[in-house]
Each structure stands twice: as structure tokens, then as C-alpha cells.
Amino acid sequence: MARDRRLVEDFIFRDEANRKTATMPLNLIVLPKEELRYYIDPEEVEKIVASARKNGILEPLLIRPIPGHEQHEVVAGAKRYRAAQILQLQEVPVVVRQLSDEDALEIALIENFARSALTDLEETDGVVRLLAVKLKILPQEVPPLLHHIQNQQRGRTSANNVIGNDVIAVVQSVLTSLGNIKLDSFISNRLPLLNLPSDILEVLRQGKLETSKAKAIARVGDEETRKQLLEDAIAYNFSLNEIKRKIKEIEQQVNPQTPSIKHRVDDTLRRLKQSKIWDDPKKKIKVEKLLAQLDTLMKDDNTN
């Protein structure tokens, strides 16, 4: 979903008059109330801190005025802003632009997509938020609308339930601007994330856990067991491998008697040798056929 970085810079700073860099006191700048990124790796910020400690903040923050306030809101550059706070800088370089909520959200999305900085869920929520703003509907109305458009394009909707071309054009424009996202791919690979258990979504949106860990925990079927594992993963900072190992232990506790296929083969052969099947000519012929099939199967496996 990433766009070429130079194209993104041209999009963000396309008005030369707004490209001038100034400085602004850090205490007059705030992060948006609803950020795109739920989890920011402290190591990412620390790298910026280490660089800024030597050279200062070189790349300006893109900010916009908050109507009725002296403060300005960060549109792009949240990690640089956090690094400046850690270093207790008095001022930072900025580019100030007058931006609507809609424009600010779109620019923030494009900037983060270009850096491949968002998780799958963050991308999904961001796209849904932007579509909701553009179409002037609620975020929860976006997924069913996208499914409806997909069905309509596949000829699966009735003539009296057709979505207008103007709405479809807005959806296609947004998906294209964010890196030429395909509607079918977004519906298949991204929207299902919104159906994760509510407790999983909550910790993801609070930035308490990485997406890969949360998706693994979501596969635990029993709600109480899943919630306990989720709490432990956060409290003890389990690695992804530790989480997978614990899930495997849980599955073994649920199905302790399920033998492996190799174990079943060994057991079947042992019982076959001890049985009286050999005394029955008809059954003996069936065994020979099964052995021939197994022999052919193993030969095929050796040739692959």
C-alpha cells in the first residue's frame, strides 16, 4: 500500500507557499486526539532521539492550526514530536498548513502508508475513517457499504437497491490515493480484522500489543482462556513464540487423547500383525491391495 516517498512529499507540500519551514515552541504543539497508530515501538522513537541528540530534529513536522486555540496539531511527524519531548527541546522545525479534518486524515494516512508505518488494523481503521468522512456516514456503516458495492459490481444486487456511481467514485478515489488499494483485496484481507473478538480489538487500539501477537491469541476459541492468555501476554510481555507455545499447550489440554498420525500407523501395524486376518483369504486380498496402494503412495512421494 506504500506510495513513492517523493510523490508523497509533493502531495503534502504541493503548494510552494506552504513549503516554508519555520520553528515553533514545542509546548504549542499537540498530538491529534485520535492517532492513526495505536502502537509505536519505543525503539523507533529512540533511534530518532539518538540522531536528534547530535543533529537536532532535521525533518520538519507538518502541523495545522486548531481553530479557536493557540496550539497546533501534528498531522505528520508524531515520532519526531515524541523524540523532541524526550529531549525536552524548546522548539522544533515545522511546516504549517490550513487543513480540514478530512485533508489532515488523508495526508496522515498517505504519509504513514509511504513509510509502511501502520499495522494491518491501523490501515484498516484509517481507511474506514477516511471513507466515513468523505461519504459523511458513520465508520460502522462503511464495511457493509463496501460489501454492497462489491456485490453490485458482481451483479448480485437487485435493480431497486443500487448504490450510485457518485458514491462508488468516492470509494475508488480514496482507495487509489492510498496506494492503489484494490476493493476486493481490502474486503478479503483487511475488513475481517474488524471482526476480531472485542477484547482483542480493544488492546490493539490501546497500543498494548502487536498485531501478530493479538491475531495468534484470537485463535483461542474458549473466551475465558483467551482473555487470560491476553492478560498474561500483556503483563509479562510474551514473545510471539511464547504465545504460540502456550496456545499449543492449551490445545493439548483440550484434546489430550488425540494421537498423531504416525502413532496411529504404528498402532494399526501392531494390531494387524496380531490379528487373525491372515486366516481369511478375502481379507488377506484386501490387505494386499491396501499395501500396494501404500507402496505406490510412497513411490510417488520419493519422486517429488
Protein backbone atom coordinates (compact mmCIF):
# COMPACT_ATOMS: atom_id res chain seq x y z
CA MET A 1 0.00 0.00 0.00
CA ALA A 2 3.02 2.27 0.19
CA ARG A 3 3.44 5.11 -2.26
CA ASP A 4 6.68 6.54 -3.62
CA ARG A 5 8.14 8.84 -0.95
CA ARG A 6 8.88 11.70 -3.38
CA LEU A 7 5.28 11.65 -4.65
CA VAL A 8 4.04 11.82 -1.08
CA GLU A 9 6.27 14.82 -0.32
CA ASP A 10 4.91 16.54 -3.45
CA PHE A 11 1.36 15.80 -2.28
CA ILE A 12 1.93 17.09 1.24
CA PHE A 13 3.88 20.20 0.20
CA ARG A 14 2.28 20.75 -3.21
CA ASP A 15 1.70 24.45 -2.51
CA GLU A 16 5.14 26.13 -2.64
CA ALA A 17 3.87 28.98 -0.49
CA ASN A 18 3.23 26.49 2.30
CA ARG A 19 6.57 24.76 1.93
CA LYS A 20 8.50 27.28 4.02
CA THR A 21 9.89 25.82 7.21
CA ALA A 22 9.56 27.76 10.45
CA THR A 23 10.17 26.93 14.09
CA MET A 24 7.56 26.74 16.82
CA PRO A 25 7.70 26.21 20.59
CA LEU A 26 7.09 22.56 21.36
CA ASN A 27 4.55 23.42 24.06
CA LEU A 28 2.29 24.92 21.39
CA ILE A 29 2.08 21.61 19.51
CA VAL A 30 -0.11 18.66 20.44
CA LEU A 31 -0.82 15.23 19.00
CA PRO A 32 -4.27 14.61 17.46
CA LYS A 33 -6.90 13.23 19.80
CA GLU A 34 -7.30 10.18 17.57
CA GLU A 35 -3.99 8.99 16.15
CA LEU A 36 -3.64 6.55 13.28
CA ARG A 37 -1.00 4.50 15.06
CA TYR A 38 -2.11 2.60 18.15
CA TYR A 39 1.30 1.12 18.96
CA ILE A 40 4.61 2.91 18.44
CA ASP A 41 7.70 0.85 19.13
CA PRO A 42 9.83 2.74 21.71
CA GLU A 43 12.93 1.60 19.80
CA GLU A 44 11.74 3.54 16.74
CA VAL A 45 11.47 6.71 18.80
CA GLU A 46 14.82 6.03 20.50
CA LYS A 47 16.56 5.93 17.10
CA ILE A 48 15.20 9.40 16.35
CA VAL A 49 16.23 10.56 19.82
CA ALA A 50 19.80 9.33 19.27
CA SER A 51 20.03 11.14 15.94
CA ALA A 52 18.34 14.31 17.21
CA ARG A 53 20.62 14.44 20.23
CA LYS A 54 23.52 15.04 17.81
CA ASN A 55 21.86 16.97 15.00
CA GLY A 56 18.51 18.17 16.29
CA ILE A 57 15.18 17.48 14.57
CA LEU A 58 16.05 17.95 10.91
CA GLU A 59 12.85 16.99 9.12
CA PRO A 60 10.01 19.42 9.95
CA LEU A 61 6.72 18.35 11.47
CA LEU A 62 3.64 19.01 9.37
CA ILE A 63 1.12 20.76 11.62
CA ARG A 64 -2.17 22.58 11.30
CA PRO A 65 -3.81 25.30 13.43
CA ILE A 66 -6.52 24.25 15.87
CA PRO A 67 -9.45 26.64 15.36
CA GLY A 68 -10.01 28.88 18.37
CA HIS A 69 -6.74 27.82 20.06
CA GLU A 70 -3.15 28.97 20.14
CA GLN A 71 -1.97 25.36 19.77
CA HIS A 72 -1.31 23.45 16.57
CA GLU A 73 -1.94 19.75 15.86
CA VAL A 74 0.56 17.27 14.41
CA VAL A 75 -0.52 15.92 11.01
CA ALA A 76 2.72 14.12 10.10
CA GLY A 77 5.75 13.54 12.32
CA ALA A 78 4.37 12.06 15.55
CA LYS A 79 7.56 10.10 16.30
CA ARG A 80 9.72 13.19 15.80
CA TYR A 81 7.38 15.05 18.14
CA ARG A 82 7.78 12.36 20.81
CA ALA A 83 11.55 12.40 20.39
CA ALA A 84 11.58 16.19 20.86
CA GLN A 85 9.58 15.77 24.06
CA ILE A 86 12.04 13.19 25.41
CA LEU A 87 14.93 15.56 24.64
CA GLN A 88 12.95 18.46 26.19
CA LEU A 89 13.56 20.63 23.14
CA GLN A 90 12.15 24.13 23.29
CA GLU A 91 11.45 24.48 19.58
CA VAL A 92 11.09 22.22 16.53
CA PRO A 93 11.02 22.88 12.78
CA VAL A 94 7.51 22.89 11.35
CA VAL A 95 5.52 23.41 8.19
CA VAL A 96 2.12 24.94 8.96
CA ARG A 97 -0.84 24.29 6.68
CA GLN A 98 -4.52 25.11 6.90
CA LEU A 99 -6.15 21.69 6.67
CA SER A 100 -9.64 20.39 7.23
CA ASP A 101 -10.18 17.24 9.28
CA GLU A 102 -10.69 15.37 6.02
CA ASP A 103 -7.46 16.64 4.43
CA ALA A 104 -5.45 16.10 7.61
CA LEU A 105 -6.61 12.49 7.89
CA GLU A 106 -5.88 11.78 4.22
CA ILE A 107 -2.39 13.29 4.39
CA ALA A 108 -1.60 11.42 7.61
CA LEU A 109 -2.71 8.16 6.00
CA ILE A 110 -0.68 8.71 2.83
CA GLU A 111 2.39 9.70 4.84
CA ASN A 112 2.17 6.62 7.05
CA PHE A 113 1.44 4.30 4.12
CA ALA A 114 4.55 5.65 2.37
CA ARG A 115 6.66 4.74 5.37
CA SER A 116 4.92 1.36 5.79
CA ALA A 117 4.43 2.51 9.36
CA LEU A 118 0.93 1.20 10.06
CA THR A 119 -0.19 -2.22 11.20
CA ASP A 120 -2.91 -4.03 9.26
CA LEU A 121 -5.57 -2.96 11.76
CA GLU A 122 -4.33 0.63 11.79
CA GLU A 123 -4.51 0.72 7.99
CA THR A 124 -8.00 -0.77 8.05
CA ASP A 125 -9.31 1.64 10.66
CA GLY A 126 -7.66 4.56 8.87
CA VAL A 127 -9.20 3.73 5.52
CA VAL A 128 -12.62 3.18 7.11
CA ARG A 129 -12.36 6.51 8.96
CA LEU A 130 -11.40 8.38 5.80
CA LEU A 131 -14.20 6.79 3.77
CA ALA A 132 -16.67 7.68 6.54
CA VAL A 133 -15.55 11.31 6.48
CA LYS A 134 -15.61 11.51 2.68
CA LEU A 135 -19.05 9.89 2.41
CA LYS A 136 -20.44 11.62 5.51
CA ILE A 137 -21.53 8.36 7.13
CA LEU A 138 -20.62 6.56 10.36
CA PRO A 139 -17.49 4.33 10.37
CA GLN A 140 -19.59 1.26 11.20
CA GLU A 141 -21.61 1.86 8.03
CA VAL A 142 -18.52 1.60 5.78
CA PRO A 143 -17.90 -2.21 5.81
CA PRO A 144 -21.47 -3.16 4.76
CA LEU A 145 -21.34 -0.42 2.11
CA LEU A 146 -18.11 -1.87 0.65
CA HIS A 147 -19.62 -5.36 0.60
CA HIS A 148 -22.69 -3.94 -1.13
CA ILE A 149 -20.53 -2.25 -3.79
CA GLN A 150 -18.62 -5.50 -4.33
CA ASN A 151 -21.84 -7.48 -4.76
CA GLN A 152 -23.22 -4.83 -7.08
CA GLN A 153 -20.12 -4.98 -9.27
CA ARG A 154 -20.56 -8.76 -9.42
CA GLY A 155 -24.20 -8.42 -10.42
CA ARG A 156 -25.59 -9.75 -7.15
CA THR A 157 -27.88 -6.86 -6.18
CA SER A 158 -31.44 -6.09 -7.20
CA ALA A 159 -32.25 -3.18 -9.50
CA ASN A 160 -34.03 -1.27 -6.71
CA ASN A 161 -31.05 -1.49 -4.35
CA VAL A 162 -28.28 0.08 -6.42
CA ILE A 163 -25.55 2.32 -4.99
CA GLY A 164 -24.97 5.46 -7.05
CA ASN A 165 -21.90 5.95 -9.23
CA ASP A 166 -21.01 9.09 -7.27
CA VAL A 167 -20.57 7.05 -4.07
CA ILE A 168 -18.59 4.36 -5.89
CA ALA A 169 -16.37 7.05 -7.44
CA VAL A 170 -15.53 8.46 -3.98
CA VAL A 171 -14.63 4.99 -2.68
CA GLN A 172 -12.42 4.23 -5.70
CA SER A 173 -10.74 7.65 -5.45
CA VAL A 174 -9.84 7.12 -1.79
CA LEU A 175 -8.51 3.60 -2.34
CA THR A 176 -6.45 4.77 -5.33
CA SER A 177 -4.98 7.75 -3.46
CA LEU A 178 -3.77 5.46 -0.66
CA GLY A 179 -1.58 3.33 -2.90
CA ASN A 180 -3.97 1.88 -5.45
CA ILE A 181 -5.70 -0.44 -2.97
CA LYS A 182 -7.99 -2.95 -4.65
CA LEU A 183 -11.52 -3.13 -3.29
CA ASP A 184 -11.70 -6.95 -3.37
CA SER A 185 -8.33 -7.25 -1.62
CA PHE A 186 -9.30 -4.74 1.07
CA ILE A 187 -12.56 -6.57 1.73
CA SER A 188 -10.89 -10.00 1.85
CA ASN A 189 -7.67 -9.19 3.72
CA ARG A 190 -8.43 -6.15 5.86
CA LEU A 191 -12.10 -5.91 6.84
CA PRO A 192 -12.07 -9.33 8.61
CA LEU A 193 -9.74 -7.77 11.20
CA LEU A 194 -12.67 -5.69 12.41
CA ASN A 195 -14.42 -8.97 13.33
CA LEU A 196 -11.74 -10.00 15.82
CA PRO A 197 -13.05 -10.51 19.38
CA SER A 198 -13.80 -7.21 21.09
CA ASP A 199 -11.19 -7.76 23.81
CA ILE A 200 -8.52 -8.32 21.14
CA LEU A 201 -9.53 -5.17 19.23
CA GLU A 202 -9.52 -3.15 22.44
CA VAL A 203 -5.91 -3.95 23.35
CA LEU A 204 -4.80 -3.39 19.75
CA ARG A 205 -6.41 0.02 19.65
CA GLN A 206 -4.89 0.89 23.01
CA GLY A 207 -1.46 0.03 21.64
CA LYS A 208 -0.85 -2.61 24.31
CA LEU A 209 0.02 -5.45 21.93
CA GLU A 210 1.40 -6.00 18.45
CA THR A 211 -0.99 -7.23 15.76
CA SER A 212 0.83 -10.52 15.13
CA LYS A 213 0.53 -11.49 18.80
CA ALA A 214 -3.10 -10.43 19.02
CA LYS A 215 -4.08 -12.39 15.90
CA ALA A 216 -2.45 -15.50 17.33
CA ILE A 217 -4.32 -15.15 20.64
CA ALA A 218 -7.60 -14.56 18.77
CA ARG A 219 -7.45 -18.15 17.51
CA VAL A 220 -8.11 -19.47 21.03
CA GLY A 221 -11.76 -20.48 20.96
CA ASP A 222 -12.64 -20.50 24.65
CA GLU A 223 -13.37 -16.91 25.72
CA GLU A 224 -12.14 -17.18 29.31
CA THR A 225 -8.93 -18.96 28.27
CA ARG A 226 -8.33 -16.37 25.55
CA LYS A 227 -8.84 -13.45 27.93
CA GLN A 228 -6.44 -14.97 30.46
CA LEU A 229 -3.77 -15.54 27.81
CA LEU A 230 -4.30 -11.98 26.55
CA GLU A 231 -3.82 -10.57 30.06
CA ASP A 232 -0.70 -12.67 30.62
CA ALA A 233 0.78 -11.73 27.23
CA ILE A 234 0.46 -8.04 28.09
CA ALA A 235 1.54 -8.34 31.73
CA TYR A 236 4.62 -10.47 31.05
CA ASN A 237 5.43 -9.18 27.55
CA PHE A 238 5.33 -12.63 25.96
CA SER A 239 7.11 -13.02 22.64
CA LEU A 240 5.16 -14.36 19.66
CA ASN A 241 6.90 -17.74 20.03
CA GLU A 242 5.96 -17.90 23.71
CA ILE A 243 2.33 -17.17 22.83
CA LYS A 244 2.30 -19.90 20.15
CA ARG A 245 3.84 -22.37 22.61
CA LYS A 246 1.18 -21.58 25.22
CA ILE A 247 -1.58 -21.94 22.62
CA LYS A 248 -0.18 -25.35 21.73
CA GLU A 249 -0.24 -26.31 25.42
CA ILE A 250 -3.86 -25.17 25.65
CA GLU A 251 -4.81 -27.23 22.59
CA GLN A 252 -3.11 -30.31 24.05
CA GLN A 253 -5.06 -29.87 27.27
CA VAL A 254 -8.32 -29.66 25.32
CA ASN A 255 -7.52 -32.70 23.15
CA PRO A 256 -5.06 -34.74 25.23
CA GLN A 257 -6.08 -38.07 23.69
CA THR A 258 -5.67 -37.11 20.04
CA PRO A 259 -2.80 -39.29 18.71
CA SER A 260 -0.50 -38.27 15.86
CA ILE A 261 -0.96 -40.00 12.50
CA LYS A 262 2.43 -41.72 12.90
CA HIS A 263 1.32 -43.08 16.24
CA ARG A 264 -1.87 -44.38 14.64
CA VAL A 265 0.12 -46.13 11.89
CA ASP A 266 2.36 -47.83 14.45
CA ASP A 267 -0.64 -48.94 16.48
CA THR A 268 -2.51 -50.23 13.40
CA LEU A 269 0.51 -52.25 12.22
CA ARG A 270 0.96 -53.76 15.67
CA ARG A 271 -2.69 -54.84 15.83
CA LEU A 272 -2.60 -56.06 12.20
CA LYS A 273 0.29 -58.41 12.93
CA GLN A 274 -1.52 -59.83 15.96
CA SER A 275 -4.90 -60.24 14.28
CA LYS A 276 -6.35 -63.37 12.67
CA ILE A 277 -6.97 -61.52 9.40
CA TRP A 278 -4.36 -63.69 7.73
CA ASP A 279 -6.59 -66.76 8.14
CA ASP A 280 -9.31 -65.18 5.95
CA PRO A 281 -8.39 -65.31 2.21
CA LYS A 282 -10.79 -62.48 1.26
CA LYS A 283 -9.48 -60.14 3.94
CA LYS A 284 -5.92 -61.10 3.03
CA ILE A 285 -6.56 -59.96 -0.57
CA LYS A 286 -7.88 -56.60 0.73
CA VAL A 287 -4.74 -56.14 2.85
CA GLU A 288 -2.59 -56.84 -0.21
CA LYS A 289 -4.46 -54.17 -2.16
CA LEU A 290 -4.01 -51.65 0.66
CA LEU A 291 -0.31 -52.45 0.88
CA ALA A 292 0.02 -51.95 -2.89
CA GLN A 293 -1.67 -48.55 -2.59
CA LEU A 294 0.66 -47.53 0.25
CA ASP A 295 3.66 -48.70 -1.77
CA THR A 296 2.53 -46.59 -4.75
CA LEU A 297 1.95 -43.61 -2.47
CA MET A 298 5.47 -43.84 -1.05
CA LYS A 299 6.97 -44.17 -4.52
CA ASP A 300 5.15 -41.03 -5.63
CA ASP A 301 6.44 -39.22 -2.54
CA ASN A 302 10.04 -40.25 -3.30
CA THR A 303 9.84 -38.93 -6.85
CA ASN A 304 8.65 -35.46 -5.73
